[in-house]
Each structure stands twice: as C-alpha cells, then as structure tokens.
Amino acid sequence: MALTQVIGRGLGTQTTLAGSNTLVLDTDGIMTRPLQPAFSARNNGTQSNIATGTDVTVALGTERFDNNGDFASNTFTSPVTGKYQLNVIMRLDTIDSAAYSYELKIATSNQNYAVPFDPDFGQDNNLYDMTIAVLADMDAGDTSTVEINQSTGTAQTDIVSVTFSGFLVC
C-alpha cells in the first residue's frame, strides 16, 4: 500500500493510504479520520400500532451521515473489531398503561442491551421518551439493530421519532 503525505495550504498534512484520505491533520493540529466508522440514522415517519409480545425492529429510513458506508436496511455492520459507542433516542406515543412493560433494546450479534419501563401511569400516557447508550464490544461483521417490545396490552403504541447513532471508539 502506498502511503503519501500532502502538504496543503491551510490543510496542514493530509496522509493518504491507497488514494483515500485516511487521516487529515490541519495546521491547528486537529486530526480527523474521514473513514472512521460513524453513523446517525432516523426514522422517516411514524411506525404505528406496534405489535405486542414480540421484538419489533425499528424502521430507520434516513441517514444523516454514514462514514465508511456501514449502515443499511436498519442495521449497522461493524467493519472492524473494536469497542463501539451506540446510542438510541426514541419517542413513543399512545402508551398503553395496561401493558406489563416496554423494553427498548440495542441488539448486537454478541449481546443485547435493554432498558425496560413499567407503563402503569394510571391511564394511557400521551408520550414517553426512552434512551439507551452503551459501549459495545463488536467483532468485524457483527450487526446491530434497534428493537422494542411491548410485552402485553393493546397494539396502540406508535414510534414517532427515533435516532440511532454510533461510532468506533477504539
């Protein structure tokens, strides 16, 4: 593989590997890695009346960014073995107070990371926000998706907004 350094006016040193910018160091000493795995995806619209008693995969149709092209079809695929910071922010509407529980999950090939909550607010709640953040150990080729499970009750809950993001830490 060819490794070259290019000194650009205002850019500082750009290190390229096999013709791609793999490392950019500007004159202020700020380093960026344009091919470093990082993504942020969100839903396109409401996912209405989610099923009960099963894991429902959250539909993520819009990518805000996807460095290295590792996110597709609601799934992040790790390109290299490492530790990945994965985050989900989700808003649910029409929460069923009769449900036993809801569980938001980041499902990876190695392990599932879940955050449950009890929806017994005394009445159906208009909206509820859920978040989960985890430092996950992933091998090259492992996948990660967002899922939600409403254990029991009426299929009336809607996923109104969700953002799933992540990046390689080390």
N, C-alpha and C. Protein backbone atom coordinates (compact mmCIF):
# COMPACT_ATOMS: atom_id res chain seq x y z
N MET A 1 0.83 -1.17 0.00
CA MET A 1 0.00 0.00 0.00
C MET A 1 0.88 1.24 0.00
N ALA A 2 0.48 2.20 -0.78
CA ALA A 2 1.24 3.44 -0.86
C ALA A 2 0.76 4.41 0.21
N LEU A 3 1.69 4.99 0.94
CA LEU A 3 1.39 5.98 1.95
C LEU A 3 2.07 7.27 1.54
N THR A 4 1.28 8.31 1.38
CA THR A 4 1.85 9.60 0.97
C THR A 4 1.37 10.68 1.90
N GLN A 5 2.16 11.74 2.00
CA GLN A 5 1.76 12.91 2.77
C GLN A 5 1.71 14.08 1.81
N VAL A 6 0.64 14.84 1.90
CA VAL A 6 0.46 16.01 1.05
C VAL A 6 0.34 17.22 1.95
N ILE A 7 1.16 18.23 1.72
CA ILE A 7 1.07 19.47 2.48
C ILE A 7 0.20 20.42 1.67
N GLY A 8 -0.94 20.77 2.22
CA GLY A 8 -1.86 21.66 1.52
C GLY A 8 -1.98 22.97 2.25
N ARG A 9 -2.13 24.03 1.53
CA ARG A 9 -2.28 25.36 2.13
C ARG A 9 -3.53 25.38 3.00
N GLY A 10 -3.35 25.64 4.28
CA GLY A 10 -4.48 25.70 5.21
C GLY A 10 -4.92 24.33 5.71
N LEU A 11 -4.47 23.28 5.05
CA LEU A 11 -4.87 21.94 5.45
C LEU A 11 -3.87 21.28 6.36
N GLY A 12 -2.61 21.71 6.31
CA GLY A 12 -1.58 21.02 7.06
C GLY A 12 -1.20 19.77 6.31
N THR A 13 -1.03 18.68 7.01
CA THR A 13 -0.63 17.43 6.39
C THR A 13 -1.85 16.55 6.17
N GLN A 14 -2.00 16.05 4.96
CA GLN A 14 -3.02 15.06 4.68
C GLN A 14 -2.30 13.76 4.39
N THR A 15 -2.60 12.76 5.15
CA THR A 15 -2.00 11.47 4.92
C THR A 15 -3.00 10.62 4.16
N THR A 16 -2.58 10.06 3.06
CA THR A 16 -3.47 9.23 2.26
C THR A 16 -2.91 7.83 2.15
N LEU A 17 -3.79 6.87 2.13
CA LEU A 17 -3.42 5.47 2.00
C LEU A 17 -4.19 4.92 0.81
N ALA A 18 -3.48 4.43 -0.16
CA ALA A 18 -4.09 3.84 -1.37
C ALA A 18 -5.06 4.82 -2.03
N GLY A 19 -4.73 6.10 -2.04
CA GLY A 19 -5.54 7.09 -2.74
C GLY A 19 -6.72 7.64 -1.95
N SER A 20 -6.93 7.19 -0.72
CA SER A 20 -8.05 7.68 0.09
C SER A 20 -7.54 8.51 1.25
N ASN A 21 -8.26 9.56 1.61
CA ASN A 21 -7.90 10.34 2.79
C ASN A 21 -8.25 9.52 4.03
N THR A 22 -7.24 8.98 4.68
CA THR A 22 -7.48 8.19 5.89
C THR A 22 -7.21 8.99 7.15
N LEU A 23 -6.42 10.04 7.01
CA LEU A 23 -6.08 10.86 8.16
C LEU A 23 -5.80 12.28 7.66
N VAL A 24 -6.46 13.25 8.26
CA VAL A 24 -6.24 14.65 7.90
C VAL A 24 -5.83 15.39 9.16
N LEU A 25 -4.69 16.07 9.07
CA LEU A 25 -4.18 16.87 10.19
C LEU A 25 -4.05 18.30 9.70
N ASP A 26 -4.84 19.22 10.31
CA ASP A 26 -4.77 20.61 9.83
C ASP A 26 -3.67 21.38 10.56
N THR A 27 -3.49 22.64 10.19
CA THR A 27 -2.40 23.44 10.74
C THR A 27 -2.59 23.74 12.22
N ASP A 28 -3.80 23.58 12.75
CA ASP A 28 -4.04 23.77 14.18
C ASP A 28 -3.83 22.49 14.98
N GLY A 29 -3.45 21.42 14.29
CA GLY A 29 -3.22 20.15 14.98
C GLY A 29 -4.48 19.33 15.17
N ILE A 30 -5.57 19.72 14.52
CA ILE A 30 -6.83 18.98 14.63
C ILE A 30 -6.80 17.82 13.64
N MET A 31 -7.02 16.63 14.16
CA MET A 31 -6.96 15.43 13.33
C MET A 31 -8.36 14.89 13.09
N THR A 32 -8.67 14.57 11.85
CA THR A 32 -9.91 13.89 11.51
C THR A 32 -9.58 12.64 10.72
N ARG A 33 -10.47 11.67 10.83
CA ARG A 33 -10.32 10.41 10.11
C ARG A 33 -11.61 10.18 9.32
N PRO A 34 -11.66 10.64 8.07
CA PRO A 34 -12.90 10.60 7.30
C PRO A 34 -13.49 9.20 7.11
N LEU A 35 -12.71 8.16 7.19
CA LEU A 35 -13.22 6.80 7.02
C LEU A 35 -13.50 6.09 8.34
N GLN A 36 -13.33 6.80 9.46
CA GLN A 36 -13.63 6.22 10.78
C GLN A 36 -15.11 5.85 10.83
N PRO A 37 -15.45 4.61 11.18
CA PRO A 37 -16.85 4.22 11.25
C PRO A 37 -17.65 5.12 12.19
N ALA A 38 -18.68 5.75 11.65
CA ALA A 38 -19.61 6.58 12.43
C ALA A 38 -20.88 6.72 11.61
N PHE A 39 -22.03 6.71 12.29
CA PHE A 39 -23.30 6.83 11.58
C PHE A 39 -24.35 7.49 12.48
N SER A 40 -25.36 8.04 11.84
CA SER A 40 -26.55 8.53 12.52
C SER A 40 -27.72 8.34 11.56
N ALA A 41 -28.73 7.59 12.02
CA ALA A 41 -29.90 7.30 11.19
C ALA A 41 -31.16 7.60 11.99
N ARG A 42 -32.22 7.93 11.28
CA ARG A 42 -33.50 8.21 11.95
C ARG A 42 -34.64 7.62 11.13
N ASN A 43 -35.82 7.62 11.74
CA ASN A 43 -36.99 7.10 11.04
C ASN A 43 -37.51 8.15 10.04
N ASN A 44 -38.25 7.65 9.04
CA ASN A 44 -38.85 8.54 8.04
C ASN A 44 -40.23 9.02 8.46
N GLY A 45 -40.91 8.25 9.27
CA GLY A 45 -42.27 8.58 9.69
C GLY A 45 -42.66 7.69 10.85
N THR A 46 -43.89 7.84 11.27
CA THR A 46 -44.39 7.10 12.42
C THR A 46 -44.56 5.61 12.10
N GLN A 47 -44.12 4.78 13.02
CA GLN A 47 -44.35 3.33 12.96
C GLN A 47 -45.51 3.08 13.89
N SER A 48 -46.71 2.90 13.34
CA SER A 48 -47.96 2.91 14.12
C SER A 48 -48.35 1.54 14.66
N ASN A 49 -48.98 1.58 15.83
CA ASN A 49 -49.60 0.41 16.45
C ASN A 49 -48.67 -0.80 16.46
N ILE A 50 -47.52 -0.64 17.12
CA ILE A 50 -46.53 -1.72 17.12
C ILE A 50 -47.13 -2.99 17.74
N ALA A 51 -46.69 -4.12 17.26
CA ALA A 51 -47.18 -5.41 17.74
C ALA A 51 -46.81 -5.61 19.21
N THR A 52 -47.57 -6.42 19.88
CA THR A 52 -47.30 -6.73 21.28
C THR A 52 -46.74 -8.15 21.38
N GLY A 53 -45.96 -8.39 22.45
CA GLY A 53 -45.45 -9.72 22.73
C GLY A 53 -44.33 -10.19 21.82
N THR A 54 -43.71 -9.29 21.09
CA THR A 54 -42.62 -9.66 20.18
C THR A 54 -41.65 -8.50 20.02
N ASP A 55 -40.41 -8.82 19.67
CA ASP A 55 -39.44 -7.77 19.37
C ASP A 55 -39.76 -7.18 18.01
N VAL A 56 -39.97 -5.88 17.97
CA VAL A 56 -40.27 -5.16 16.73
C VAL A 56 -39.02 -4.39 16.32
N THR A 57 -38.51 -4.67 15.13
CA THR A 57 -37.35 -3.93 14.62
C THR A 57 -37.80 -2.54 14.22
N VAL A 58 -37.08 -1.54 14.67
CA VAL A 58 -37.41 -0.15 14.39
C VAL A 58 -36.93 0.20 12.98
N ALA A 59 -37.82 0.79 12.19
CA ALA A 59 -37.51 1.17 10.81
C ALA A 59 -36.75 2.50 10.80
N LEU A 60 -35.57 2.49 10.21
CA LEU A 60 -34.71 3.67 10.14
C LEU A 60 -34.41 3.95 8.68
N GLY A 61 -35.09 4.92 8.09
CA GLY A 61 -35.01 5.13 6.65
C GLY A 61 -34.14 6.27 6.18
N THR A 62 -33.65 7.11 7.09
CA THR A 62 -32.87 8.27 6.67
C THR A 62 -31.55 8.30 7.40
N GLU A 63 -30.48 8.38 6.64
CA GLU A 63 -29.15 8.53 7.23
C GLU A 63 -28.76 9.99 7.24
N ARG A 64 -28.43 10.51 8.39
CA ARG A 64 -27.90 11.87 8.47
C ARG A 64 -26.45 11.87 7.99
N PHE A 65 -25.69 10.86 8.43
CA PHE A 65 -24.35 10.61 7.91
C PHE A 65 -24.02 9.14 8.11
N ASP A 66 -23.09 8.65 7.31
CA ASP A 66 -22.66 7.27 7.38
C ASP A 66 -21.23 7.18 6.84
N ASN A 67 -20.28 7.58 7.69
CA ASN A 67 -18.87 7.47 7.29
C ASN A 67 -18.57 6.00 7.04
N ASN A 68 -17.89 5.72 6.00
CA ASN A 68 -17.44 4.37 5.67
C ASN A 68 -18.54 3.46 5.14
N GLY A 69 -19.80 3.92 5.09
CA GLY A 69 -20.88 3.13 4.49
C GLY A 69 -21.20 1.84 5.20
N ASP A 70 -21.31 1.87 6.54
CA ASP A 70 -21.54 0.65 7.32
C ASP A 70 -22.98 0.48 7.80
N PHE A 71 -23.88 1.42 7.44
CA PHE A 71 -25.27 1.34 7.87
C PHE A 71 -26.16 1.16 6.65
N ALA A 72 -27.05 0.16 6.70
CA ALA A 72 -28.02 -0.07 5.63
C ALA A 72 -29.16 -0.93 6.17
N SER A 73 -30.36 -0.73 5.66
CA SER A 73 -31.52 -1.57 5.99
C SER A 73 -31.71 -1.74 7.49
N ASN A 74 -31.73 -0.64 8.23
CA ASN A 74 -31.97 -0.62 9.68
C ASN A 74 -30.84 -1.24 10.50
N THR A 75 -29.71 -1.55 9.86
CA THR A 75 -28.65 -2.32 10.51
C THR A 75 -27.29 -1.67 10.36
N PHE A 76 -26.56 -1.57 11.48
CA PHE A 76 -25.16 -1.19 11.44
C PHE A 76 -24.34 -2.47 11.45
N THR A 77 -23.37 -2.57 10.54
CA THR A 77 -22.45 -3.70 10.49
C THR A 77 -21.05 -3.20 10.78
N SER A 78 -20.44 -3.71 11.84
CA SER A 78 -19.10 -3.23 12.22
C SER A 78 -18.07 -3.71 11.21
N PRO A 79 -17.28 -2.78 10.65
CA PRO A 79 -16.28 -3.16 9.65
C PRO A 79 -15.02 -3.77 10.26
N VAL A 80 -14.74 -3.43 11.53
CA VAL A 80 -13.55 -3.94 12.21
C VAL A 80 -13.91 -4.29 13.65
N THR A 81 -13.13 -5.15 14.26
CA THR A 81 -13.32 -5.49 15.66
C THR A 81 -12.93 -4.30 16.53
N GLY A 82 -13.76 -3.99 17.52
CA GLY A 82 -13.46 -2.88 18.41
C GLY A 82 -14.60 -2.61 19.37
N LYS A 83 -14.47 -1.50 20.07
CA LYS A 83 -15.49 -1.03 21.00
C LYS A 83 -16.27 0.10 20.31
N TYR A 84 -17.58 -0.03 20.27
CA TYR A 84 -18.43 0.93 19.57
C TYR A 84 -19.39 1.58 20.56
N GLN A 85 -19.49 2.90 20.51
CA GLN A 85 -20.48 3.63 21.28
C GLN A 85 -21.76 3.65 20.45
N LEU A 86 -22.84 3.06 20.99
CA LEU A 86 -24.13 3.00 20.31
C LEU A 86 -25.16 3.73 21.16
N ASN A 87 -26.03 4.53 20.50
CA ASN A 87 -26.99 5.38 21.20
C ASN A 87 -28.33 5.34 20.49
N VAL A 88 -29.41 5.35 21.28
CA VAL A 88 -30.76 5.44 20.74
C VAL A 88 -31.55 6.45 21.55
N ILE A 89 -32.27 7.31 20.85
CA ILE A 89 -33.24 8.22 21.46
C ILE A 89 -34.57 7.95 20.75
N MET A 90 -35.61 7.63 21.51
CA MET A 90 -36.89 7.26 20.90
C MET A 90 -38.05 7.93 21.63
N ARG A 91 -39.02 8.40 20.84
CA ARG A 91 -40.27 8.93 21.40
C ARG A 91 -41.41 8.01 21.01
N LEU A 92 -42.14 7.56 22.03
CA LEU A 92 -43.33 6.73 21.83
C LEU A 92 -44.57 7.56 22.14
N ASP A 93 -45.62 7.36 21.37
CA ASP A 93 -46.92 7.99 21.63
C ASP A 93 -47.96 6.91 21.91
N THR A 94 -49.02 7.30 22.60
CA THR A 94 -50.15 6.44 22.94
C THR A 94 -49.69 5.20 23.69
N ILE A 95 -49.05 5.44 24.81
CA ILE A 95 -48.54 4.36 25.66
C ILE A 95 -49.71 3.64 26.32
N ASP A 96 -49.71 2.32 26.29
CA ASP A 96 -50.79 1.52 26.88
C ASP A 96 -50.46 1.21 28.33
N SER A 97 -51.22 1.79 29.25
CA SER A 97 -50.96 1.59 30.68
C SER A 97 -51.27 0.15 31.12
N ALA A 98 -52.01 -0.58 30.30
CA ALA A 98 -52.34 -1.97 30.63
C ALA A 98 -51.21 -2.94 30.27
N ALA A 99 -50.23 -2.47 29.52
CA ALA A 99 -49.10 -3.34 29.17
C ALA A 99 -48.29 -3.62 30.43
N TYR A 100 -47.72 -4.83 30.50
CA TYR A 100 -46.89 -5.17 31.65
C TYR A 100 -45.60 -4.36 31.63
N SER A 101 -44.98 -4.26 30.45
CA SER A 101 -43.75 -3.48 30.32
C SER A 101 -43.45 -3.20 28.86
N TYR A 102 -42.55 -2.24 28.67
CA TYR A 102 -41.94 -1.96 27.37
C TYR A 102 -40.44 -2.14 27.57
N GLU A 103 -39.75 -2.56 26.50
CA GLU A 103 -38.31 -2.71 26.58
C GLU A 103 -37.68 -2.22 25.28
N LEU A 104 -36.84 -1.20 25.41
CA LEU A 104 -36.05 -0.69 24.28
C LEU A 104 -34.74 -1.46 24.27
N LYS A 105 -34.33 -1.92 23.08
CA LYS A 105 -33.16 -2.78 23.00
C LYS A 105 -32.25 -2.39 21.84
N ILE A 106 -30.94 -2.37 22.11
CA ILE A 106 -29.94 -2.38 21.05
C ILE A 106 -29.49 -3.83 20.97
N ALA A 107 -29.83 -4.48 19.87
CA ALA A 107 -29.50 -5.89 19.69
C ALA A 107 -28.24 -5.99 18.84
N THR A 108 -27.19 -6.61 19.39
CA THR A 108 -25.96 -6.83 18.63
C THR A 108 -25.74 -8.34 18.51
N SER A 109 -24.84 -8.71 17.62
CA SER A 109 -24.52 -10.12 17.43
C SER A 109 -23.97 -10.75 18.70
N ASN A 110 -23.27 -9.98 19.52
CA ASN A 110 -22.65 -10.51 20.73
C ASN A 110 -23.55 -10.48 21.95
N GLN A 111 -24.36 -9.41 22.07
CA GLN A 111 -25.14 -9.23 23.29
C GLN A 111 -26.26 -8.24 23.01
N ASN A 112 -27.34 -8.35 23.78
CA ASN A 112 -28.42 -7.38 23.72
C ASN A 112 -28.32 -6.46 24.93
N TYR A 113 -28.58 -5.18 24.69
CA TYR A 113 -28.55 -4.17 25.76
C TYR A 113 -29.95 -3.58 25.83
N ALA A 114 -30.59 -3.68 26.99
CA ALA A 114 -32.00 -3.31 27.08
C ALA A 114 -32.29 -2.37 28.24
N VAL A 115 -33.31 -1.53 28.04
CA VAL A 115 -33.82 -0.63 29.06
C VAL A 115 -35.33 -0.83 29.13
N PRO A 116 -35.85 -1.39 30.24
CA PRO A 116 -37.30 -1.58 30.37
C PRO A 116 -37.95 -0.42 31.13
N PHE A 117 -39.26 -0.30 30.96
CA PHE A 117 -40.01 0.60 31.85
C PHE A 117 -41.42 0.06 32.02
N ASP A 118 -42.01 0.38 33.17
CA ASP A 118 -43.37 -0.02 33.52
C ASP A 118 -44.30 1.13 33.14
N PRO A 119 -45.25 0.91 32.22
CA PRO A 119 -46.10 1.99 31.74
C PRO A 119 -47.33 2.27 32.59
N ASP A 120 -47.39 1.76 33.81
CA ASP A 120 -48.58 1.95 34.63
C ASP A 120 -48.61 3.36 35.20
N PHE A 121 -49.14 4.27 34.40
CA PHE A 121 -49.26 5.67 34.81
C PHE A 121 -50.66 5.95 35.38
N GLY A 122 -51.49 4.91 35.52
CA GLY A 122 -52.86 5.09 35.98
C GLY A 122 -53.82 5.35 34.84
N GLN A 123 -53.29 5.73 33.71
CA GLN A 123 -54.07 5.93 32.48
C GLN A 123 -53.09 5.88 31.30
N ASP A 124 -53.62 5.76 30.10
CA ASP A 124 -52.74 5.77 28.92
C ASP A 124 -52.01 7.10 28.87
N ASN A 125 -50.72 7.04 28.62
CA ASN A 125 -49.89 8.25 28.57
C ASN A 125 -49.75 8.70 27.12
N ASN A 126 -49.78 10.02 26.90
CA ASN A 126 -49.70 10.55 25.54
C ASN A 126 -48.34 10.28 24.90
N LEU A 127 -47.26 10.49 25.65
CA LEU A 127 -45.94 10.26 25.07
C LEU A 127 -44.95 9.88 26.14
N TYR A 128 -43.86 9.22 25.67
CA TYR A 128 -42.81 8.79 26.58
C TYR A 128 -41.51 8.74 25.79
N ASP A 129 -40.45 9.28 26.37
CA ASP A 129 -39.15 9.27 25.72
C ASP A 129 -38.27 8.21 26.38
N MET A 130 -37.55 7.47 25.55
CA MET A 130 -36.64 6.44 26.03
C MET A 130 -35.27 6.67 25.41
N THR A 131 -34.22 6.40 26.17
CA THR A 131 -32.86 6.50 25.65
C THR A 131 -32.05 5.31 26.15
N ILE A 132 -31.04 4.97 25.36
CA ILE A 132 -30.10 3.94 25.76
C ILE A 132 -28.77 4.28 25.11
N ALA A 133 -27.71 4.13 25.88
CA ALA A 133 -26.35 4.36 25.37
C ALA A 133 -25.46 3.28 25.96
N VAL A 134 -24.63 2.69 25.11
CA VAL A 134 -23.80 1.58 25.56
C VAL A 134 -22.49 1.57 24.78
N LEU A 135 -21.44 1.13 25.46
CA LEU A 135 -20.17 0.86 24.81
C LEU A 135 -20.14 -0.64 24.56
N ALA A 136 -20.31 -1.03 23.29
CA ALA A 136 -20.48 -2.43 22.92
C ALA A 136 -19.22 -3.00 22.29
N ASP A 137 -18.93 -4.23 22.65
CA ASP A 137 -17.82 -4.97 22.05
C ASP A 137 -18.37 -5.65 20.80
N MET A 138 -17.81 -5.29 19.64
CA MET A 138 -18.28 -5.87 18.39
C MET A 138 -17.10 -6.38 17.57
N ASP A 139 -17.28 -7.53 16.95
CA ASP A 139 -16.28 -8.09 16.06
C ASP A 139 -16.57 -7.63 14.63
N ALA A 140 -15.59 -7.72 13.76
CA ALA A 140 -15.79 -7.39 12.35
C ALA A 140 -16.93 -8.23 11.80
N GLY A 141 -17.91 -7.58 11.17
CA GLY A 141 -19.05 -8.27 10.60
C GLY A 141 -20.24 -8.42 11.53
N ASP A 142 -20.09 -8.09 12.82
CA ASP A 142 -21.22 -8.12 13.74
C ASP A 142 -22.23 -7.04 13.34
N THR A 143 -23.49 -7.29 13.68
CA THR A 143 -24.55 -6.33 13.34
C THR A 143 -25.22 -5.79 14.59
N SER A 144 -25.90 -4.66 14.40
CA SER A 144 -26.63 -4.02 15.49
C SER A 144 -27.89 -3.38 14.93
N THR A 145 -29.01 -3.61 15.62
CA THR A 145 -30.30 -3.02 15.25
C THR A 145 -30.97 -2.48 16.52
N VAL A 146 -32.02 -1.71 16.32
CA VAL A 146 -32.84 -1.20 17.43
C VAL A 146 -34.16 -1.96 17.42
N GLU A 147 -34.57 -2.43 18.59
CA GLU A 147 -35.83 -3.16 18.72
C GLU A 147 -36.60 -2.63 19.91
N ILE A 148 -37.91 -2.83 19.87
CA ILE A 148 -38.75 -2.50 21.03
C ILE A 148 -39.75 -3.63 21.22
N ASN A 149 -40.07 -3.89 22.49
CA ASN A 149 -41.02 -4.94 22.80
C ASN A 149 -42.02 -4.40 23.81
N GLN A 150 -43.29 -4.43 23.42
CA GLN A 150 -44.39 -4.15 24.35
C GLN A 150 -44.91 -5.52 24.74
N SER A 151 -44.75 -5.90 26.02
CA SER A 151 -44.99 -7.28 26.44
C SER A 151 -46.44 -7.74 26.27
N THR A 152 -47.37 -6.92 26.70
CA THR A 152 -48.79 -7.28 26.64
C THR A 152 -49.59 -6.02 26.33
N GLY A 153 -50.92 -6.15 26.36
CA GLY A 153 -51.78 -4.99 26.17
C GLY A 153 -52.25 -4.83 24.73
N THR A 154 -52.68 -3.63 24.42
CA THR A 154 -53.24 -3.30 23.11
C THR A 154 -52.16 -2.77 22.18
N ALA A 155 -52.21 -3.19 20.93
CA ALA A 155 -51.27 -2.71 19.92
C ALA A 155 -51.71 -1.32 19.47
N GLN A 156 -51.39 -0.31 20.31
CA GLN A 156 -51.79 1.06 20.02
C GLN A 156 -50.62 2.04 20.05
N THR A 157 -49.47 1.58 20.50
CA THR A 157 -48.32 2.46 20.68
C THR A 157 -47.65 2.75 19.34
N ASP A 158 -47.25 4.02 19.16
CA ASP A 158 -46.60 4.47 17.94
C ASP A 158 -45.17 4.91 18.23
N ILE A 159 -44.25 4.53 17.35
CA ILE A 159 -42.89 5.06 17.39
C ILE A 159 -42.90 6.32 16.53
N VAL A 160 -42.82 7.47 17.17
CA VAL A 160 -42.95 8.75 16.47
C VAL A 160 -41.61 9.24 15.94
N SER A 161 -40.60 9.18 16.78
CA SER A 161 -39.27 9.60 16.33
C SER A 161 -38.21 8.73 17.00
N VAL A 162 -37.16 8.45 16.24
CA VAL A 162 -36.06 7.67 16.77
C VAL A 162 -34.79 8.05 16.03
N THR A 163 -33.69 8.14 16.78
CA THR A 163 -32.37 8.33 16.21
C THR A 163 -31.47 7.24 16.76
N PHE A 164 -30.77 6.57 15.87
CA PHE A 164 -29.80 5.54 16.22
C PHE A 164 -28.45 6.00 15.68
N SER A 165 -27.47 6.10 16.58
CA SER A 165 -26.15 6.58 16.16
C SER A 165 -25.07 5.73 16.81
N GLY A 166 -23.89 5.79 16.22
CA GLY A 166 -22.77 5.05 16.78
C GLY A 166 -21.47 5.40 16.11
N PHE A 167 -20.37 5.01 16.77
CA PHE A 167 -19.05 5.25 16.20
C PHE A 167 -18.03 4.32 16.87
N LEU A 168 -16.95 4.05 16.15
CA LEU A 168 -15.86 3.25 16.68
C LEU A 168 -15.06 4.08 17.66
N VAL A 169 -14.93 3.61 18.89
CA VAL A 169 -14.17 4.32 19.92
C VAL A 169 -12.70 3.89 19.89
N CYS A 170 -12.48 2.59 19.94
CA CYS A 170 -11.12 2.05 19.90
C CYS A 170 -11.14 0.61 19.49
